Amino acid sequence: MPALQTVTTPAELRSALAEARRQGQSVGLVPTMGFLHEGHATLIRRSAAENALTVVSVFVNPTQFAPTEDLAAYPRDLARDQTVAQEAGAALLFHPQPQDMYPPGHATSVSVAGLSTRVEGASRPGHFDGVATVVLKLLNLVQPTRAYFGEKDWQQLAVVRRMAADLFLNTEVVGVPTVRAQSGLALSSRNSYLSAERQAQAAVVSRALRAVQAAYAGGEQDAQALLAAGHAVLAQEPVDLDYLHLLDAELQPLQGQLTPQQAAQARLVFAGRLHAVRLIDNMPLVPGEQVQQGPTPGAPL
């Protein structure tokens, strides 16, 4: 297995990619905030299978955190990230510092109107401006053929896709199905804040989403009645709910009786806190995603 090359500045990144550009090789990009787990490894493996060279970025982006959020506490382990990235097939790991990505005098940000201010954006104002800005920077630096994002961050994926389309970016944005523990819990770096017992409790989120799916499969078509099935399951654990929504393709809440066309495009989205740890998850109303299994909660990678 070729050794993973780690670079830390935009200039080093461009230099490391120069030969691939000269040869016209395809390049895949997997943007991450580090503390890589099996979900990230799945993205990297997908990229490595579809491109000649894969770049993984590891950058805890300060502009997508509010002052009250966990920027300082966000888990970091570069040695672990390098091991996961190399074993999954990455060739390059880009690990910049904030001053590399936001040099003195930085005055430009990106905002995707509409999609960025709904749902998660309403709960975390400015969050998606930070996401869009750093993703555009990474896309400009790497100029990848394809960029890979997990569907667990469904709204993020929608924002990035809209930005890429609106700005005519020459990169294919690839969404990859959510990777889950055997309990159903969506894998996340923030899961490390929870003990194995509390991760098992957190699986109530996926059970709630599947309860909504089951209610629809059983014949229920009213949006509020469907969501009520999810609320009933969430009540089984001490979940501090932020939102549970049934959304259309534009991330607008669906109401009333759903048509088959609405149901086919509908997405269930959840955000809430369990033992002070914020969790997000989503599923289609009509099951169709290929759910990939990760390790059991608390198990090593």
C-alpha atoms as a PDB file:
ATOM      1  CA  MET A   1       0.000   0.000   0.000  1.00  0.00           C
ATOM      2  CA  PRO A   2       1.551   3.360  -1.018  1.00  0.00           C
ATOM      3  CA  ALA A   3       2.436   5.674   1.856  1.00  0.00           C
ATOM      4  CA  LEU A   4      -0.027   8.451   2.594  1.00  0.00           C
ATOM      5  CA  GLN A   5       1.375  11.920   1.961  1.00  0.00           C
ATOM      6  CA  THR A   6       0.291  14.591   4.456  1.00  0.00           C
ATOM      7  CA  VAL A   7       0.434  18.262   3.470  1.00  0.00           C
ATOM      8  CA  THR A   8      -0.521  21.274   5.555  1.00  0.00           C
ATOM      9  CA  THR A   9      -0.648  24.353   3.320  1.00  0.00           C
ATOM     10  CA  PRO A  10      -2.528  25.243   0.131  1.00  0.00           C
ATOM     11  CA  ALA A  11       0.802  25.631  -1.706  1.00  0.00           C
ATOM     12  CA  GLU A  12       1.919  22.149  -0.644  1.00  0.00           C
ATOM     13  CA  LEU A  13      -1.424  20.718  -1.697  1.00  0.00           C
ATOM     14  CA  ARG A  14      -1.238  22.260  -5.160  1.00  0.00           C
ATOM     15  CA  SER A  15       2.338  21.033  -5.572  1.00  0.00           C
ATOM     16  CA  ALA A  16       1.393  17.501  -4.514  1.00  0.00           C
ATOM     17  CA  LEU A  17      -1.424  17.456  -7.087  1.00  0.00           C
ATOM     18  CA  ALA A  18       0.595  18.963  -9.933  1.00  0.00           C
ATOM     19  CA  GLU A  19       1.710  15.649 -11.475  1.00  0.00           C
ATOM     20  CA  ALA A  20      -1.795  14.203 -11.383  1.00  0.00           C
ATOM     21  CA  ARG A  21      -3.069  17.313 -13.154  1.00  0.00           C
ATOM     22  CA  ARG A  22      -0.359  17.066 -15.821  1.00  0.00           C
ATOM     23  CA  GLN A  23      -1.329  13.453 -16.471  1.00  0.00           C
ATOM     24  CA  GLY A  24      -5.034  14.255 -16.562  1.00  0.00           C
ATOM     25  CA  GLN A  25      -5.767  11.820 -13.746  1.00  0.00           C
ATOM     26  CA  SER A  26      -9.132  11.806 -12.038  1.00  0.00           C
ATOM     27  CA  VAL A  27      -9.059  13.138  -8.484  1.00  0.00           C
ATOM     28  CA  GLY A  28     -11.532  12.468  -5.702  1.00  0.00           C
ATOM     29  CA  LEU A  29     -11.982  14.685  -2.642  1.00  0.00           C
ATOM     30  CA  VAL A  30     -13.418  13.627   0.716  1.00  0.00           C
ATOM     31  CA  PRO A  31     -13.838  16.714   2.929  1.00  0.00           C
ATOM     32  CA  THR A  32     -13.917  15.895   6.665  1.00  0.00           C
ATOM     33  CA  MET A  33     -13.441  17.479  10.061  1.00  0.00           C
ATOM     34  CA  GLY A  34     -11.336  14.523  11.151  1.00  0.00           C
ATOM     35  CA  PHE A  35     -11.674  11.924  13.904  1.00  0.00           C
ATOM     36  CA  LEU A  36     -12.369   9.546  11.038  1.00  0.00           C
ATOM     37  CA  HIS A  37     -14.640   6.549  11.491  1.00  0.00           C
ATOM     38  CA  GLU A  38     -16.110   3.831   9.274  1.00  0.00           C
ATOM     39  CA  GLY A  39     -18.500   6.319   7.682  1.00  0.00           C
ATOM     40  CA  HIS A  40     -15.566   8.403   6.462  1.00  0.00           C
ATOM     41  CA  ALA A  41     -13.687   5.257   5.429  1.00  0.00           C
ATOM     42  CA  THR A  42     -16.666   4.284   3.255  1.00  0.00           C
ATOM     43  CA  LEU A  43     -16.459   7.640   1.457  1.00  0.00           C
ATOM     44  CA  ILE A  44     -12.710   7.246   0.954  1.00  0.00           C
ATOM     45  CA  ARG A  45     -13.055   3.712  -0.392  1.00  0.00           C
ATOM     46  CA  ARG A  46     -15.742   4.881  -2.813  1.00  0.00           C
ATOM     47  CA  SER A  47     -13.483   7.672  -4.036  1.00  0.00           C
ATOM     48  CA  ALA A  48     -10.453   5.391  -4.332  1.00  0.00           C
ATOM     49  CA  ALA A  49     -12.504   2.957  -6.434  1.00  0.00           C
ATOM     50  CA  GLU A  50     -13.674   5.699  -8.804  1.00  0.00           C
ATOM     51  CA  ASN A  51     -10.610   7.945  -9.102  1.00  0.00           C
ATOM     52  CA  ALA A  52      -6.895   7.611  -9.748  1.00  0.00           C
ATOM     53  CA  LEU A  53      -6.055   9.680  -6.678  1.00  0.00           C
ATOM     54  CA  THR A  54      -8.009  10.543  -3.527  1.00  0.00           C
ATOM     55  CA  VAL A  55      -7.489  13.560  -1.289  1.00  0.00           C
ATOM     56  CA  VAL A  56      -8.893  13.611   2.250  1.00  0.00           C
ATOM     57  CA  SER A  57      -9.094  16.959   3.997  1.00  0.00           C
ATOM     58  CA  VAL A  58      -9.006  17.038   7.802  1.00  0.00           C
ATOM     59  CA  PHE A  59      -9.973  20.503   9.003  1.00  0.00           C
ATOM     60  CA  VAL A  60     -12.153  21.497  11.941  1.00  0.00           C
ATOM     61  CA  ASN A  61     -13.679  24.524  10.261  1.00  0.00           C
ATOM     62  CA  PRO A  62     -14.209  27.338  12.792  1.00  0.00           C
ATOM     63  CA  THR A  63     -16.654  29.313  10.642  1.00  0.00           C
ATOM     64  CA  GLN A  64     -19.369  26.664  10.886  1.00  0.00           C
ATOM     65  CA  PHE A  65     -19.412  26.683  14.701  1.00  0.00           C
ATOM     66  CA  ALA A  66     -21.393  29.168  16.772  1.00  0.00           C
ATOM     67  CA  PRO A  67     -19.632  30.663  19.829  1.00  0.00           C
ATOM     68  CA  THR A  68     -21.657  28.364  22.110  1.00  0.00           C
ATOM     69  CA  GLU A  69     -20.840  25.176  20.172  1.00  0.00           C
ATOM     70  CA  ASP A  70     -18.109  22.565  20.620  1.00  0.00           C
ATOM     71  CA  LEU A  71     -15.275  23.926  18.450  1.00  0.00           C
ATOM     72  CA  ALA A  72     -12.653  23.626  21.183  1.00  0.00           C
ATOM     73  CA  ALA A  73     -13.905  20.236  22.359  1.00  0.00           C
ATOM     74  CA  TYR A  74     -14.451  18.674  18.922  1.00  0.00           C
ATOM     75  CA  PRO A  75     -12.503  15.355  18.874  1.00  0.00           C
ATOM     76  CA  ARG A  76      -9.157  15.439  17.083  1.00  0.00           C
ATOM     77  CA  ASP A  77      -6.649  12.626  16.413  1.00  0.00           C
ATOM     78  CA  LEU A  78      -4.445  13.169  13.373  1.00  0.00           C
ATOM     79  CA  ALA A  79      -2.529   9.889  13.737  1.00  0.00           C
ATOM     80  CA  ARG A  80      -5.813   7.966  13.758  1.00  0.00           C
ATOM     81  CA  ASP A  81      -7.022   9.956  10.742  1.00  0.00           C
ATOM     82  CA  GLN A  82      -3.862   9.164   8.801  1.00  0.00           C
ATOM     83  CA  THR A  83      -4.233   5.452   9.515  1.00  0.00           C
ATOM     84  CA  VAL A  84      -7.902   5.332   8.506  1.00  0.00           C
ATOM     85  CA  ALA A  85      -7.284   7.402   5.360  1.00  0.00           C
ATOM     86  CA  GLN A  86      -4.350   5.300   4.188  1.00  0.00           C
ATOM     87  CA  GLU A  87      -6.053   1.969   4.854  1.00  0.00           C
ATOM     88  CA  ALA A  88      -9.122   3.144   2.936  1.00  0.00           C
ATOM     89  CA  GLY A  89      -7.034   4.083  -0.114  1.00  0.00           C
ATOM     90  CA  ALA A  90      -6.309   7.818   0.127  1.00  0.00           C
ATOM     91  CA  ALA A  91      -3.101   9.138  -1.423  1.00  0.00           C
ATOM     92  CA  LEU A  92      -3.081  12.630   0.117  1.00  0.00           C
ATOM     93  CA  LEU A  93      -4.238  14.054   3.432  1.00  0.00           C
ATOM     94  CA  PHE A  94      -4.630  17.827   3.666  1.00  0.00           C
ATOM     95  CA  HIS A  95      -4.443  19.082   7.254  1.00  0.00           C
ATOM     96  CA  PRO A  96      -4.338  22.886   7.278  1.00  0.00           C
ATOM     97  CA  GLN A  97      -4.534  25.276  10.214  1.00  0.00           C
ATOM     98  CA  PRO A  98      -7.242  27.958  10.422  1.00  0.00           C
ATOM     99  CA  GLN A  99      -4.808  30.678   9.356  1.00  0.00           C
ATOM    100  CA  ASP A 100      -4.042  28.671   6.196  1.00  0.00           C
ATOM    101  CA  MET A 101      -7.693  28.538   5.181  1.00  0.00           C
ATOM    102  CA  TYR A 102      -8.612  31.996   6.477  1.00  0.00           C
ATOM    103  CA  PRO A 103      -5.479  34.151   6.086  1.00  0.00           C
ATOM    104  CA  PRO A 104      -5.299  37.664   7.530  1.00  0.00           C
ATOM    105  CA  GLY A 105      -7.650  39.989   5.695  1.00  0.00           C
ATOM    106  CA  HIS A 106      -9.990  37.190   4.651  1.00  0.00           C
ATOM    107  CA  ALA A 107     -13.271  38.899   3.745  1.00  0.00           C
ATOM    108  CA  THR A 108     -15.231  36.544   1.475  1.00  0.00           C
ATOM    109  CA  SER A 109     -17.917  34.055   2.416  1.00  0.00           C
ATOM    110  CA  VAL A 110     -20.488  32.019   0.493  1.00  0.00           C
ATOM    111  CA  SER A 111     -24.191  31.886   1.263  1.00  0.00           C
ATOM    112  CA  VAL A 112     -26.677  29.575  -0.444  1.00  0.00           C
ATOM    113  CA  ALA A 113     -29.961  31.406   0.043  1.00  0.00           C
ATOM    114  CA  GLY A 114     -33.047  29.479   1.069  1.00  0.00           C
ATOM    115  CA  LEU A 115     -31.600  26.029   1.643  1.00  0.00           C
ATOM    116  CA  SER A 116     -29.096  27.363   4.193  1.00  0.00           C
ATOM    117  CA  THR A 117     -31.644  29.061   6.438  1.00  0.00           C
ATOM    118  CA  ARG A 118     -34.202  26.253   6.788  1.00  0.00           C
ATOM    119  CA  VAL A 119     -34.345  23.348   9.236  1.00  0.00           C
ATOM    120  CA  GLU A 120     -30.787  22.927  10.584  1.00  0.00           C
ATOM    121  CA  GLY A 121     -29.954  26.415   9.346  1.00  0.00           C
ATOM    122  CA  ALA A 122     -32.770  27.866  11.441  1.00  0.00           C
ATOM    123  CA  SER A 123     -31.362  26.130  14.523  1.00  0.00           C
ATOM    124  CA  ARG A 124     -27.766  27.069  13.730  1.00  0.00           C
ATOM    125  CA  PRO A 125     -27.747  30.470  11.961  1.00  0.00           C
ATOM    126  CA  GLY A 126     -24.680  30.949   9.787  1.00  0.00           C
ATOM    127  CA  HIS A 127     -23.650  27.302  10.002  1.00  0.00           C
ATOM    128  CA  PHE A 128     -24.149  26.549   6.316  1.00  0.00           C
ATOM    129  CA  ASP A 129     -22.414  29.754   5.245  1.00  0.00           C
ATOM    130  CA  GLY A 130     -19.336  28.376   6.980  1.00  0.00           C
ATOM    131  CA  VAL A 131     -19.833  24.980   5.344  1.00  0.00           C
ATOM    132  CA  ALA A 132     -20.329  26.418   1.851  1.00  0.00           C
ATOM    133  CA  THR A 133     -17.333  28.730   2.195  1.00  0.00           C
ATOM    134  CA  VAL A 134     -14.874  26.064   3.299  1.00  0.00           C
ATOM    135  CA  VAL A 135     -16.166  23.505   0.779  1.00  0.00           C
ATOM    136  CA  LEU A 136     -15.773  25.995  -2.066  1.00  0.00           C
ATOM    137  CA  LYS A 137     -12.220  26.741  -0.897  1.00  0.00           C
ATOM    138  CA  LEU A 138     -11.404  23.028  -0.884  1.00  0.00           C
ATOM    139  CA  LEU A 139     -12.977  22.494  -4.305  1.00  0.00           C
ATOM    140  CA  ASN A 140     -10.964  25.386  -5.717  1.00  0.00           C
ATOM    141  CA  LEU A 141      -7.730  24.095  -4.193  1.00  0.00           C
ATOM    142  CA  VAL A 142      -8.140  20.446  -5.222  1.00  0.00           C
ATOM    143  CA  GLN A 143     -10.247  20.889  -8.381  1.00  0.00           C
ATOM    144  CA  PRO A 144     -11.479  17.324  -7.997  1.00  0.00           C
ATOM    145  CA  THR A 145     -13.307  15.280 -10.574  1.00  0.00           C
ATOM    146  CA  ARG A 146     -15.675  14.133  -7.831  1.00  0.00           C
ATOM    147  CA  ALA A 147     -16.302  15.148  -4.210  1.00  0.00           C
ATOM    148  CA  TYR A 148     -17.907  12.736  -1.733  1.00  0.00           C
ATOM    149  CA  PHE A 149     -20.297  13.583   1.088  1.00  0.00           C
ATOM    150  CA  GLY A 150     -22.232  11.340   3.455  1.00  0.00           C
ATOM    151  CA  GLU A 151     -26.016  11.464   3.307  1.00  0.00           C
ATOM    152  CA  LYS A 152     -26.172  11.642   7.112  1.00  0.00           C
ATOM    153  CA  ASP A 153     -25.699  15.400   6.683  1.00  0.00           C
ATOM    154  CA  TRP A 154     -28.598  15.555   4.226  1.00  0.00           C
ATOM    155  CA  GLN A 155     -29.063  19.309   4.277  1.00  0.00           C
ATOM    156  CA  GLN A 156     -25.335  19.888   3.898  1.00  0.00           C
ATOM    157  CA  LEU A 157     -25.374  17.691   0.804  1.00  0.00           C
ATOM    158  CA  ALA A 158     -28.303  19.677  -0.610  1.00  0.00           C
ATOM    159  CA  VAL A 159     -26.518  22.981   0.051  1.00  0.00           C
ATOM    160  CA  VAL A 160     -23.286  21.805  -1.587  1.00  0.00           C
ATOM    161  CA  ARG A 161     -25.139  20.452  -4.608  1.00  0.00           C
ATOM    162  CA  ARG A 162     -26.999  23.737  -5.064  1.00  0.00           C
ATOM    163  CA  MET A 163     -23.779  25.738  -4.725  1.00  0.00           C
ATOM    164  CA  ALA A 164     -22.000  23.523  -7.247  1.00  0.00           C
ATOM    165  CA  ALA A 165     -24.846  23.891  -9.740  1.00  0.00           C
ATOM    166  CA  ASP A 166     -25.287  27.633  -9.230  1.00  0.00           C
ATOM    167  CA  LEU A 167     -21.563  28.382  -9.622  1.00  0.00           C
ATOM    168  CA  PHE A 168     -21.024  25.948 -12.533  1.00  0.00           C
ATOM    169  CA  LEU A 169     -18.367  24.041 -10.607  1.00  0.00           C
ATOM    170  CA  ASN A 170     -16.674  21.355 -12.655  1.00  0.00           C
ATOM    171  CA  THR A 171     -16.968  18.731  -9.915  1.00  0.00           C
ATOM    172  CA  GLU A 172     -19.493  15.933  -9.537  1.00  0.00           C
ATOM    173  CA  VAL A 173     -20.972  15.983  -6.024  1.00  0.00           C
ATOM    174  CA  VAL A 174     -21.511  12.374  -4.926  1.00  0.00           C
ATOM    175  CA  GLY A 175     -23.786  11.481  -2.017  1.00  0.00           C
ATOM    176  CA  VAL A 176     -23.000   8.218  -0.213  1.00  0.00           C
ATOM    177  CA  PRO A 177     -25.592   6.408   1.978  1.00  0.00           C
ATOM    178  CA  THR A 178     -25.358   6.761   5.734  1.00  0.00           C
ATOM    179  CA  VAL A 179     -23.244   4.171   7.519  1.00  0.00           C
ATOM    180  CA  ARG A 180     -24.836   2.869  10.711  1.00  0.00           C
ATOM    181  CA  ALA A 181     -23.857   0.815  13.720  1.00  0.00           C
ATOM    182  CA  GLN A 182     -25.622  -2.514  14.143  1.00  0.00           C
ATOM    183  CA  SER A 183     -28.027  -0.742  16.498  1.00  0.00           C
ATOM    184  CA  GLY A 184     -29.058   1.610  13.704  1.00  0.00           C
ATOM    185  CA  LEU A 185     -27.245   4.652  15.136  1.00  0.00           C
ATOM    186  CA  ALA A 186     -25.788   6.793  12.360  1.00  0.00           C
ATOM    187  CA  LEU A 187     -22.007   6.935  12.714  1.00  0.00           C
ATOM    188  CA  SER A 188     -20.688  10.360  13.719  1.00  0.00           C
ATOM    189  CA  SER A 189     -17.489  11.733  15.225  1.00  0.00           C
ATOM    190  CA  ARG A 190     -19.628  13.252  17.990  1.00  0.00           C
ATOM    191  CA  ASN A 191     -20.762   9.766  19.020  1.00  0.00           C
ATOM    192  CA  SER A 192     -17.422   9.633  20.873  1.00  0.00           C
ATOM    193  CA  TYR A 193     -18.971  11.983  23.442  1.00  0.00           C
ATOM    194  CA  LEU A 194     -21.359   9.159  24.445  1.00  0.00           C
ATOM    195  CA  SER A 195     -20.557   6.013  26.381  1.00  0.00           C
ATOM    196  CA  ALA A 196     -21.422   2.673  24.798  1.00  0.00           C
ATOM    197  CA  GLU A 197     -24.576   2.541  26.955  1.00  0.00           C
ATOM    198  CA  ARG A 198     -25.651   5.999  25.840  1.00  0.00           C
ATOM    199  CA  GLN A 199     -24.876   5.209  22.195  1.00  0.00           C
ATOM    200  CA  ALA A 200     -27.294   2.298  22.555  1.00  0.00           C
ATOM    201  CA  GLN A 201     -29.878   4.755  23.887  1.00  0.00           C
ATOM    202  CA  ALA A 202     -29.199   7.063  20.921  1.00  0.00           C
ATOM    203  CA  ALA A 203     -30.340   4.323  18.547  1.00  0.00           C
ATOM    204  CA  VAL A 204     -33.855   5.479  19.467  1.00  0.00           C
ATOM    205  CA  VAL A 205     -33.412   8.088  16.740  1.00  0.00           C
ATOM    206  CA  SER A 206     -33.168   5.566  13.908  1.00  0.00           C
ATOM    207  CA  ARG A 207     -36.000   3.540  15.463  1.00  0.00           C
ATOM    208  CA  ALA A 208     -38.189   6.635  15.434  1.00  0.00           C
ATOM    209  CA  LEU A 209     -37.449   7.322  11.780  1.00  0.00           C
ATOM    210  CA  ARG A 210     -38.183   3.711  10.881  1.00  0.00           C
ATOM    211  CA  ALA A 211     -41.453   3.914  12.812  1.00  0.00           C
ATOM    212  CA  VAL A 212     -42.514   6.745  10.514  1.00  0.00           C
ATOM    213  CA  GLN A 213     -41.534   4.671   7.485  1.00  0.00           C
ATOM    214  CA  ALA A 214     -43.530   1.742   8.847  1.00  0.00           C
ATOM    215  CA  ALA A 215     -46.581   3.927   9.453  1.00  0.00           C
ATOM    216  CA  TYR A 216     -46.527   5.081   5.842  1.00  0.00           C
ATOM    217  CA  ALA A 217     -46.015   1.525   4.586  1.00  0.00           C
ATOM    218  CA  GLY A 218     -49.012   0.564   6.706  1.00  0.00           C
ATOM    219  CA  GLY A 219     -51.265   2.998   4.888  1.00  0.00           C
ATOM    220  CA  GLU A 220     -50.987   6.253   6.862  1.00  0.00           C
ATOM    221  CA  GLN A 221     -50.644   9.237   4.505  1.00  0.00           C
ATOM    222  CA  ASP A 222     -51.205  12.244   6.765  1.00  0.00           C
ATOM    223  CA  ALA A 223     -47.924  14.028   7.475  1.00  0.00           C
ATOM    224  CA  GLN A 224     -48.731  14.921  11.085  1.00  0.00           C
ATOM    225  CA  ALA A 225     -49.954  11.421  11.895  1.00  0.00           C
ATOM    226  CA  LEU A 226     -46.779   9.984  10.408  1.00  0.00           C
ATOM    227  CA  LEU A 227     -44.584  12.258  12.514  1.00  0.00           C
ATOM    228  CA  ALA A 228     -46.618  11.350  15.585  1.00  0.00           C
ATOM    229  CA  ALA A 229     -45.416   7.763  15.162  1.00  0.00           C
ATOM    230  CA  GLY A 230     -41.839   9.019  15.380  1.00  0.00           C
ATOM    231  CA  HIS A 231     -42.537  11.221  18.394  1.00  0.00           C
ATOM    232  CA  ALA A 232     -44.000   8.245  20.239  1.00  0.00           C
ATOM    233  CA  VAL A 233     -40.745   6.303  19.839  1.00  0.00           C
ATOM    234  CA  LEU A 234     -38.525   9.263  20.752  1.00  0.00           C
ATOM    235  CA  ALA A 235     -40.461   9.582  24.009  1.00  0.00           C
ATOM    236  CA  GLN A 236     -38.927   6.262  25.112  1.00  0.00           C
ATOM    237  CA  GLU A 237     -35.572   7.958  25.844  1.00  0.00           C
ATOM    238  CA  PRO A 238     -34.609  11.364  27.358  1.00  0.00           C
ATOM    239  CA  VAL A 239     -34.307  13.103  23.984  1.00  0.00           C
ATOM    240  CA  ASP A 240     -34.365  16.904  23.976  1.00  0.00           C
ATOM    241  CA  LEU A 241     -35.932  17.312  20.538  1.00  0.00           C
ATOM    242  CA  ASP A 242     -34.901  20.164  18.262  1.00  0.00           C
ATOM    243  CA  TYR A 243     -36.956  19.036  15.274  1.00  0.00           C
ATOM    244  CA  LEU A 244     -38.501  16.060  13.525  1.00  0.00           C
ATOM    245  CA  HIS A 245     -39.683  17.068  10.061  1.00  0.00           C
ATOM    246  CA  LEU A 246     -40.945  15.486   6.868  1.00  0.00           C
ATOM    247  CA  LEU A 247     -39.462  17.566   4.042  1.00  0.00           C
ATOM    248  CA  ASP A 248     -39.823  17.893   0.291  1.00  0.00           C
ATOM    249  CA  ALA A 249     -36.898  18.217  -2.135  1.00  0.00           C
ATOM    250  CA  GLU A 250     -36.579  21.941  -1.336  1.00  0.00           C
ATOM    251  CA  LEU A 251     -36.406  21.202   2.409  1.00  0.00           C
ATOM    252  CA  GLN A 252     -39.880  22.600   3.000  1.00  0.00           C
ATOM    253  CA  PRO A 253     -42.175  20.830   5.516  1.00  0.00           C
ATOM    254  CA  LEU A 254     -44.848  18.586   4.030  1.00  0.00           C
ATOM    255  CA  GLN A 255     -48.358  18.851   5.440  1.00  0.00           C
ATOM    256  CA  GLY A 256     -51.690  17.143   5.016  1.00  0.00           C
ATOM    257  CA  GLN A 257     -52.294  14.036   2.929  1.00  0.00           C
ATOM    258  CA  LEU A 258     -49.217  13.060   0.929  1.00  0.00           C
ATOM    259  CA  THR A 259     -49.468  12.139  -2.726  1.00  0.00           C
ATOM    260  CA  PRO A 260     -47.385   9.179  -3.921  1.00  0.00           C
ATOM    261  CA  GLN A 261     -45.110  11.655  -5.729  1.00  0.00           C
ATOM    262  CA  GLN A 262     -44.555  13.670  -2.542  1.00  0.00           C
ATOM    263  CA  ALA A 263     -43.914  10.535  -0.517  1.00  0.00           C
ATOM    264  CA  ALA A 264     -41.363   9.257  -3.026  1.00  0.00           C
ATOM    265  CA  GLN A 265     -39.258  12.410  -2.581  1.00  0.00           C
ATOM    266  CA  ALA A 266     -39.949  13.031   1.121  1.00  0.00           C
ATOM    267  CA  ARG A 267     -37.105  13.015   3.636  1.00  0.00           C
ATOM    268  CA  LEU A 268     -37.420  12.507   7.366  1.00  0.00           C
ATOM    269  CA  VAL A 269     -34.943  14.669   9.272  1.00  0.00           C
ATOM    270  CA  PHE A 270     -34.168  14.714  12.988  1.00  0.00           C
ATOM    271  CA  ALA A 271     -32.049  16.813  15.325  1.00  0.00           C
ATOM    272  CA  GLY A 272     -31.951  16.723  19.083  1.00  0.00           C
ATOM    273  CA  ARG A 273     -29.814  16.228  22.149  1.00  0.00           C
ATOM    274  CA  LEU A 274     -29.291  13.147  24.256  1.00  0.00           C
ATOM    275  CA  HIS A 275     -27.289  13.686  27.440  1.00  0.00           C
ATOM    276  CA  ALA A 276     -26.293  17.125  26.055  1.00  0.00           C
ATOM    277  CA  VAL A 277     -24.847  15.637  22.837  1.00  0.00           C
ATOM    278  CA  ARG A 278     -26.430  16.931  19.641  1.00  0.00           C
ATOM    279  CA  LEU A 279     -27.396  14.217  17.153  1.00  0.00           C
ATOM    280  CA  ILE A 280     -28.752  14.462  13.613  1.00  0.00           C
ATOM    281  CA  ASP A 281     -30.132  11.795  11.311  1.00  0.00           C
ATOM    282  CA  ASN A 282     -32.367  11.376   8.290  1.00  0.00           C
ATOM    283  CA  MET A 283     -34.020   8.727   6.145  1.00  0.00           C
ATOM    284  CA  PRO A 284     -36.279   8.690   3.093  1.00  0.00           C
ATOM    285  CA  LEU A 285     -39.948   8.191   3.893  1.00  0.00           C
ATOM    286  CA  VAL A 286     -40.065   5.362   1.375  1.00  0.00           C
ATOM    287  CA  PRO A 287     -37.098   3.091   2.139  1.00  0.00           C
ATOM    288  CA  GLY A 288     -34.760   2.879  -0.784  1.00  0.00           C
ATOM    289  CA  GLU A 289     -31.339   3.794   0.544  1.00  0.00           C
ATOM    290  CA  GLN A 290     -28.846   0.982   0.879  1.00  0.00           C
ATOM    291  CA  VAL A 291     -28.136   1.124   4.599  1.00  0.00           C
ATOM    292  CA  GLN A 292     -24.522   0.184   5.280  1.00  0.00           C
ATOM    293  CA  GLN A 293     -23.540  -1.386   8.571  1.00  0.00           C
ATOM    294  CA  GLY A 294     -20.685  -0.121  10.671  1.00  0.00           C
ATOM    295  CA  PRO A 295     -19.248  -1.438  13.961  1.00  0.00           C
ATOM    296  CA  THR A 296     -21.329  -1.778  17.079  1.00  0.00           C
ATOM    297  CA  PRO A 297     -21.519   1.310  19.327  1.00  0.00           C
ATOM    298  CA  GLY A 298     -18.319   1.825  21.267  1.00  0.00           C
ATOM    299  CA  ALA A 299     -16.398  -0.752  19.222  1.00  0.00           C
ATOM    300  CA  PRO A 300     -12.998   0.235  17.764  1.00  0.00           C
ATOM    301  CA  LEU A 301     -12.645   0.817  14.040  1.00  0.00           C
END
